[in-house]
Amino acid sequence: MTVTANVIEACAQAAHEVNRAYCWAIGDASQVSWHDAPEWQRASCRIGVKGVLNGNTPEQSHESWLAEKTAAGWKHGATKDPEAKTHPCFLPYAELPPEQKVKDHLFVATVVNVVRALGAEEGAEPGPSPRHL
């Protein structure tokens, strides 16, 4: 299967929406839908998808996100505030609370499974793992 821009977009949208649903379930209603999300947030998600396609684990995915945010001037803060560029998850993976680590696991699992679903032929087993695409 060729990983096209459409596949990356589908993975990013799915991962974003899974994250939004998870956040809502744990009491965080601050996440907006994919279509209402600002472009910087959607772009960050696409970068995360590409990392997973290259084999990133949940921890590596978070550390990549952290490096991206650091380069953009973000810092740790009690609340997520795009204007102040603060985020409560602006921490090394090992320091994240368990419920925040789940988001990284969900992100990776969503990307892997969307890619497999899109690459699977009718009646066949899901396609190869993304790092082999």
N, C-alpha and C. Protein backbone atom coordinates (compact mmCIF):
# COMPACT_ATOMS: atom_id res chain seq x y z
N MET A 1 0.83 -1.18 0.00
CA MET A 1 0.00 0.00 0.00
C MET A 1 0.88 1.24 0.00
N THR A 2 0.53 2.19 -0.81
CA THR A 2 1.22 3.47 -0.84
C THR A 2 0.57 4.40 0.17
N VAL A 3 1.39 5.02 0.98
CA VAL A 3 0.85 5.97 1.95
C VAL A 3 0.75 7.33 1.26
N THR A 4 -0.47 7.72 0.94
CA THR A 4 -0.74 8.97 0.26
C THR A 4 -1.10 10.05 1.27
N ALA A 5 -1.20 11.26 0.78
CA ALA A 5 -1.65 12.37 1.64
C ALA A 5 -3.04 12.08 2.18
N ASN A 6 -3.88 11.42 1.40
CA ASN A 6 -5.23 11.09 1.87
C ASN A 6 -5.19 10.09 3.02
N VAL A 7 -4.28 9.13 2.95
CA VAL A 7 -4.14 8.15 4.04
C VAL A 7 -3.65 8.85 5.30
N ILE A 8 -2.66 9.72 5.15
CA ILE A 8 -2.15 10.47 6.31
C ILE A 8 -3.26 11.31 6.91
N GLU A 9 -4.04 11.97 6.06
CA GLU A 9 -5.14 12.80 6.54
C GLU A 9 -6.19 11.96 7.27
N ALA A 10 -6.52 10.80 6.71
CA ALA A 10 -7.51 9.92 7.35
C ALA A 10 -7.01 9.46 8.72
N CYS A 11 -5.74 9.09 8.79
CA CYS A 11 -5.16 8.66 10.07
C CYS A 11 -5.16 9.80 11.08
N ALA A 12 -4.77 10.98 10.64
CA ALA A 12 -4.71 12.14 11.53
C ALA A 12 -6.10 12.49 12.06
N GLN A 13 -7.08 12.50 11.17
CA GLN A 13 -8.44 12.82 11.59
C GLN A 13 -8.96 11.77 12.58
N ALA A 14 -8.74 10.51 12.27
CA ALA A 14 -9.21 9.44 13.16
C ALA A 14 -8.52 9.53 14.53
N ALA A 15 -7.21 9.72 14.53
CA ALA A 15 -6.47 9.80 15.80
C ALA A 15 -6.92 11.01 16.61
N HIS A 16 -7.16 12.12 15.94
CA HIS A 16 -7.64 13.33 16.62
C HIS A 16 -8.99 13.07 17.28
N GLU A 17 -9.90 12.46 16.52
CA GLU A 17 -11.25 12.23 17.04
C GLU A 17 -11.26 11.19 18.16
N VAL A 18 -10.39 10.18 18.08
CA VAL A 18 -10.28 9.22 19.18
C VAL A 18 -9.77 9.93 20.42
N ASN A 19 -8.77 10.79 20.25
CA ASN A 19 -8.25 11.57 21.37
C ASN A 19 -9.34 12.47 21.97
N ARG A 20 -10.12 13.10 21.11
CA ARG A 20 -11.19 13.98 21.58
C ARG A 20 -12.21 13.19 22.39
N ALA A 21 -12.59 12.01 21.89
CA ALA A 21 -13.56 11.17 22.61
C ALA A 21 -12.99 10.71 23.95
N TYR A 22 -11.72 10.32 23.96
CA TYR A 22 -11.08 9.90 25.21
C TYR A 22 -11.04 11.06 26.21
N CYS A 23 -10.62 12.23 25.73
CA CYS A 23 -10.56 13.40 26.62
C CYS A 23 -11.94 13.70 27.21
N TRP A 24 -12.97 13.65 26.38
CA TRP A 24 -14.33 13.89 26.84
C TRP A 24 -14.69 12.89 27.93
N ALA A 25 -14.33 11.62 27.73
CA ALA A 25 -14.66 10.56 28.68
C ALA A 25 -13.98 10.76 30.03
N ILE A 26 -12.81 11.41 30.04
CA ILE A 26 -12.11 11.64 31.31
C ILE A 26 -12.37 13.03 31.87
N GLY A 27 -13.35 13.74 31.27
CA GLY A 27 -13.77 15.03 31.81
C GLY A 27 -13.14 16.25 31.18
N ASP A 28 -12.43 16.08 30.09
CA ASP A 28 -11.81 17.22 29.40
C ASP A 28 -12.60 17.50 28.13
N ALA A 29 -13.45 18.51 28.19
CA ALA A 29 -14.29 18.85 27.04
C ALA A 29 -13.68 19.97 26.19
N SER A 30 -12.38 20.21 26.35
CA SER A 30 -11.74 21.33 25.65
C SER A 30 -11.36 21.02 24.21
N GLN A 31 -11.40 19.77 23.83
CA GLN A 31 -10.98 19.39 22.48
C GLN A 31 -12.10 19.67 21.47
N VAL A 32 -11.76 20.30 20.38
CA VAL A 32 -12.73 20.58 19.32
C VAL A 32 -12.62 19.51 18.25
N SER A 33 -13.62 19.42 17.40
CA SER A 33 -13.59 18.43 16.32
C SER A 33 -12.44 18.72 15.36
N TRP A 34 -12.10 17.70 14.58
CA TRP A 34 -11.04 17.85 13.58
C TRP A 34 -11.31 19.05 12.67
N HIS A 35 -12.53 19.18 12.19
CA HIS A 35 -12.85 20.25 11.25
C HIS A 35 -12.83 21.63 11.89
N ASP A 36 -12.99 21.69 13.20
CA ASP A 36 -12.94 22.97 13.91
C ASP A 36 -11.56 23.26 14.50
N ALA A 37 -10.67 22.29 14.45
CA ALA A 37 -9.33 22.46 15.02
C ALA A 37 -8.52 23.43 14.18
N PRO A 38 -7.69 24.25 14.83
CA PRO A 38 -6.83 25.15 14.06
C PRO A 38 -5.80 24.36 13.25
N GLU A 39 -5.33 24.97 12.18
CA GLU A 39 -4.40 24.28 11.28
C GLU A 39 -3.13 23.84 12.00
N TRP A 40 -2.62 24.61 12.96
CA TRP A 40 -1.39 24.20 13.66
C TRP A 40 -1.62 22.87 14.38
N GLN A 41 -2.83 22.66 14.90
CA GLN A 41 -3.12 21.42 15.61
C GLN A 41 -3.26 20.25 14.64
N ARG A 42 -3.91 20.47 13.52
CA ARG A 42 -4.05 19.42 12.51
C ARG A 42 -2.67 19.08 11.92
N ALA A 43 -1.84 20.09 11.68
CA ALA A 43 -0.49 19.85 11.15
C ALA A 43 0.34 19.03 12.13
N SER A 44 0.22 19.33 13.41
CA SER A 44 0.94 18.57 14.43
C SER A 44 0.49 17.11 14.43
N CYS A 45 -0.78 16.89 14.24
CA CYS A 45 -1.31 15.53 14.20
C CYS A 45 -0.77 14.78 12.98
N ARG A 46 -0.69 15.45 11.85
CA ARG A 46 -0.14 14.82 10.64
C ARG A 46 1.33 14.43 10.85
N ILE A 47 2.08 15.30 11.53
CA ILE A 47 3.48 15.01 11.84
C ILE A 47 3.55 13.76 12.72
N GLY A 48 2.65 13.69 13.70
CA GLY A 48 2.59 12.52 14.58
C GLY A 48 2.29 11.24 13.81
N VAL A 49 1.38 11.33 12.84
CA VAL A 49 1.05 10.18 12.00
C VAL A 49 2.29 9.71 11.26
N LYS A 50 3.02 10.64 10.67
CA LYS A 50 4.23 10.27 9.93
C LYS A 50 5.24 9.59 10.85
N GLY A 51 5.33 10.06 12.08
CA GLY A 51 6.22 9.42 13.05
C GLY A 51 5.82 7.98 13.32
N VAL A 52 4.52 7.75 13.50
CA VAL A 52 4.03 6.39 13.73
C VAL A 52 4.29 5.53 12.51
N LEU A 53 4.07 6.08 11.33
CA LEU A 53 4.33 5.33 10.10
C LEU A 53 5.81 4.94 9.97
N ASN A 54 6.67 5.70 10.63
CA ASN A 54 8.11 5.39 10.64
C ASN A 54 8.50 4.53 11.84
N GLY A 55 7.50 4.09 12.61
CA GLY A 55 7.78 3.15 13.70
C GLY A 55 7.78 3.71 15.10
N ASN A 56 7.38 4.97 15.30
CA ASN A 56 7.38 5.51 16.65
C ASN A 56 6.48 4.73 17.59
N THR A 57 6.98 4.47 18.77
CA THR A 57 6.20 3.89 19.87
C THR A 57 5.40 5.03 20.51
N PRO A 58 4.49 4.71 21.43
CA PRO A 58 3.79 5.79 22.13
C PRO A 58 4.76 6.77 22.81
N GLU A 59 5.78 6.25 23.46
CA GLU A 59 6.75 7.14 24.11
C GLU A 59 7.48 8.01 23.10
N GLN A 60 7.92 7.42 22.00
CA GLN A 60 8.61 8.19 20.96
C GLN A 60 7.67 9.21 20.33
N SER A 61 6.43 8.84 20.18
CA SER A 61 5.44 9.75 19.63
C SER A 61 5.29 10.98 20.53
N HIS A 62 5.21 10.74 21.84
CA HIS A 62 5.10 11.88 22.76
C HIS A 62 6.36 12.73 22.74
N GLU A 63 7.51 12.09 22.75
CA GLU A 63 8.76 12.85 22.76
C GLU A 63 8.91 13.67 21.48
N SER A 64 8.44 13.14 20.36
CA SER A 64 8.46 13.89 19.10
C SER A 64 7.53 15.10 19.20
N TRP A 65 6.34 14.89 19.76
CA TRP A 65 5.40 15.99 19.99
C TRP A 65 6.03 17.05 20.88
N LEU A 66 6.69 16.61 21.94
CA LEU A 66 7.34 17.52 22.88
C LEU A 66 8.43 18.34 22.18
N ALA A 67 9.23 17.70 21.34
CA ALA A 67 10.28 18.41 20.59
C ALA A 67 9.66 19.42 19.63
N GLU A 68 8.58 19.03 18.97
CA GLU A 68 7.89 19.95 18.06
C GLU A 68 7.37 21.17 18.81
N LYS A 69 6.76 20.94 19.95
CA LYS A 69 6.22 22.04 20.75
C LYS A 69 7.35 22.92 21.30
N THR A 70 8.45 22.32 21.72
CA THR A 70 9.59 23.08 22.21
C THR A 70 10.10 24.02 21.13
N ALA A 71 10.24 23.51 19.91
CA ALA A 71 10.72 24.32 18.78
C ALA A 71 9.77 25.47 18.47
N ALA A 72 8.49 25.27 18.77
CA ALA A 72 7.49 26.31 18.50
C ALA A 72 7.32 27.27 19.68
N GLY A 73 8.10 27.08 20.76
CA GLY A 73 8.07 28.00 21.88
C GLY A 73 7.10 27.67 22.99
N TRP A 74 6.56 26.45 23.00
CA TRP A 74 5.63 26.06 24.05
C TRP A 74 6.39 25.74 25.33
N LYS A 75 5.65 25.75 26.45
CA LYS A 75 6.22 25.41 27.76
C LYS A 75 5.13 24.75 28.61
N HIS A 76 5.55 24.22 29.74
CA HIS A 76 4.59 23.59 30.65
C HIS A 76 3.71 24.65 31.29
N GLY A 77 2.45 24.31 31.44
CA GLY A 77 1.51 25.18 32.12
C GLY A 77 0.36 24.36 32.67
N ALA A 78 -0.36 24.92 33.62
CA ALA A 78 -1.45 24.19 34.27
C ALA A 78 -2.59 23.88 33.30
N THR A 79 -2.75 24.71 32.28
CA THR A 79 -3.82 24.50 31.30
C THR A 79 -3.26 24.63 29.89
N LYS A 80 -3.98 24.03 28.96
CA LYS A 80 -3.63 24.17 27.56
C LYS A 80 -4.11 25.54 27.09
N ASP A 81 -3.16 26.36 26.65
CA ASP A 81 -3.48 27.70 26.20
C ASP A 81 -2.64 28.00 24.96
N PRO A 82 -3.24 27.86 23.77
CA PRO A 82 -2.47 28.08 22.54
C PRO A 82 -1.88 29.48 22.41
N GLU A 83 -2.55 30.47 22.96
CA GLU A 83 -2.01 31.83 22.85
C GLU A 83 -0.80 32.02 23.74
N ALA A 84 -0.84 31.47 24.96
CA ALA A 84 0.30 31.55 25.87
C ALA A 84 1.31 30.45 25.59
N LYS A 85 0.93 29.50 24.72
CA LYS A 85 1.76 28.35 24.38
C LYS A 85 2.16 27.55 25.62
N THR A 86 1.13 27.21 26.42
CA THR A 86 1.34 26.36 27.59
C THR A 86 0.49 25.11 27.44
N HIS A 87 0.98 24.02 28.03
CA HIS A 87 0.27 22.75 27.96
C HIS A 87 0.64 21.91 29.19
N PRO A 88 -0.35 21.29 29.85
CA PRO A 88 -0.04 20.48 31.03
C PRO A 88 0.71 19.19 30.70
N CYS A 89 0.69 18.75 29.45
CA CYS A 89 1.42 17.53 29.05
C CYS A 89 2.80 17.84 28.52
N PHE A 90 3.25 19.07 28.68
CA PHE A 90 4.59 19.46 28.24
C PHE A 90 5.59 18.96 29.29
N LEU A 91 5.73 17.63 29.31
CA LEU A 91 6.59 16.93 30.25
C LEU A 91 7.21 15.74 29.54
N PRO A 92 8.34 15.25 30.03
CA PRO A 92 8.85 13.99 29.47
C PRO A 92 7.81 12.89 29.68
N TYR A 93 7.78 11.94 28.78
CA TYR A 93 6.79 10.86 28.83
C TYR A 93 6.75 10.19 30.20
N ALA A 94 7.90 9.91 30.77
CA ALA A 94 7.98 9.21 32.06
C ALA A 94 7.28 9.97 33.18
N GLU A 95 7.13 11.29 33.03
CA GLU A 95 6.51 12.11 34.06
C GLU A 95 5.01 12.34 33.84
N LEU A 96 4.49 11.86 32.74
CA LEU A 96 3.06 12.04 32.47
C LEU A 96 2.23 11.15 33.39
N PRO A 97 1.06 11.66 33.81
CA PRO A 97 0.15 10.79 34.56
C PRO A 97 -0.34 9.67 33.64
N PRO A 98 -0.71 8.53 34.20
CA PRO A 98 -1.14 7.38 33.37
C PRO A 98 -2.26 7.72 32.38
N GLU A 99 -3.23 8.53 32.79
CA GLU A 99 -4.34 8.85 31.88
C GLU A 99 -3.89 9.69 30.69
N GLN A 100 -2.76 10.37 30.81
CA GLN A 100 -2.22 11.12 29.68
C GLN A 100 -1.39 10.22 28.77
N LYS A 101 -0.71 9.23 29.35
CA LYS A 101 0.04 8.27 28.54
C LYS A 101 -0.91 7.48 27.64
N VAL A 102 -2.12 7.24 28.12
CA VAL A 102 -3.11 6.50 27.33
C VAL A 102 -3.33 7.20 25.99
N LYS A 103 -3.32 8.53 25.98
CA LYS A 103 -3.54 9.26 24.73
C LYS A 103 -2.49 8.89 23.68
N ASP A 104 -1.25 8.73 24.09
CA ASP A 104 -0.19 8.35 23.16
C ASP A 104 -0.39 6.93 22.64
N HIS A 105 -0.83 6.04 23.52
CA HIS A 105 -1.11 4.67 23.10
C HIS A 105 -2.29 4.63 22.13
N LEU A 106 -3.33 5.39 22.42
CA LEU A 106 -4.48 5.45 21.52
C LEU A 106 -4.10 6.04 20.16
N PHE A 107 -3.26 7.06 20.17
CA PHE A 107 -2.83 7.68 18.92
C PHE A 107 -2.12 6.66 18.03
N VAL A 108 -1.15 5.97 18.59
CA VAL A 108 -0.38 4.99 17.82
C VAL A 108 -1.29 3.87 17.34
N ALA A 109 -2.12 3.34 18.23
CA ALA A 109 -3.01 2.24 17.85
C ALA A 109 -3.99 2.66 16.77
N THR A 110 -4.50 3.87 16.85
CA THR A 110 -5.44 4.35 15.83
C THR A 110 -4.76 4.45 14.48
N VAL A 111 -3.59 5.04 14.43
CA VAL A 111 -2.87 5.17 13.15
C VAL A 111 -2.58 3.80 12.57
N VAL A 112 -2.04 2.90 13.37
CA VAL A 112 -1.70 1.56 12.89
C VAL A 112 -2.94 0.86 12.33
N ASN A 113 -4.04 0.95 13.05
CA ASN A 113 -5.23 0.23 12.62
C ASN A 113 -5.92 0.87 11.42
N VAL A 114 -5.88 2.18 11.31
CA VAL A 114 -6.45 2.83 10.11
C VAL A 114 -5.63 2.46 8.89
N VAL A 115 -4.32 2.49 9.01
CA VAL A 115 -3.46 2.11 7.87
C VAL A 115 -3.72 0.66 7.48
N ARG A 116 -3.79 -0.21 8.46
CA ARG A 116 -4.06 -1.62 8.16
C ARG A 116 -5.42 -1.77 7.49
N ALA A 117 -6.43 -1.08 8.00
CA ALA A 117 -7.76 -1.19 7.41
C ALA A 117 -7.78 -0.68 5.98
N LEU A 118 -7.09 0.39 5.72
CA LEU A 118 -7.06 0.94 4.37
C LEU A 118 -6.25 0.09 3.41
N GLY A 119 -5.31 -0.69 3.94
CA GLY A 119 -4.45 -1.51 3.10
C GLY A 119 -4.95 -2.93 2.94
N ALA A 120 -5.97 -3.30 3.70
CA ALA A 120 -6.46 -4.68 3.66
C ALA A 120 -7.35 -4.90 2.46
N GLU A 121 -7.19 -6.04 1.83
CA GLU A 121 -8.06 -6.45 0.73
C GLU A 121 -9.19 -7.26 1.32
N GLU A 122 -10.31 -7.29 0.63
CA GLU A 122 -11.46 -8.03 1.10
C GLU A 122 -11.07 -9.48 1.37
N GLY A 123 -11.38 -9.93 2.57
CA GLY A 123 -11.11 -11.31 2.94
C GLY A 123 -9.67 -11.57 3.36
N ALA A 124 -8.81 -10.57 3.28
CA ALA A 124 -7.40 -10.75 3.65
C ALA A 124 -7.16 -10.27 5.07
N GLU A 125 -6.07 -10.71 5.62
CA GLU A 125 -5.65 -10.19 6.91
C GLU A 125 -5.23 -8.74 6.74
N PRO A 126 -5.28 -7.95 7.80
CA PRO A 126 -4.81 -6.56 7.68
C PRO A 126 -3.39 -6.50 7.13
N GLY A 127 -3.07 -5.39 6.51
CA GLY A 127 -1.79 -5.20 5.85
C GLY A 127 -0.62 -5.16 6.81
N PRO A 128 0.57 -4.91 6.29
CA PRO A 128 1.78 -4.89 7.09
C PRO A 128 1.77 -3.76 8.10
N SER A 129 2.61 -3.89 9.09
CA SER A 129 2.70 -2.80 10.07
C SER A 129 3.24 -1.55 9.37
N PRO A 130 2.84 -0.36 9.81
CA PRO A 130 3.22 0.86 9.12
C PRO A 130 4.72 1.05 8.92
N ARG A 131 5.56 0.61 9.82
CA ARG A 131 6.99 0.85 9.64
C ARG A 131 7.55 0.10 8.45
N HIS A 132 6.77 -0.83 7.91
CA HIS A 132 7.23 -1.62 6.76
C HIS A 132 6.62 -1.12 5.46
N LEU A 133 5.83 -0.05 5.53
CA LEU A 133 5.19 0.48 4.32
C LEU A 133 6.15 1.29 3.50
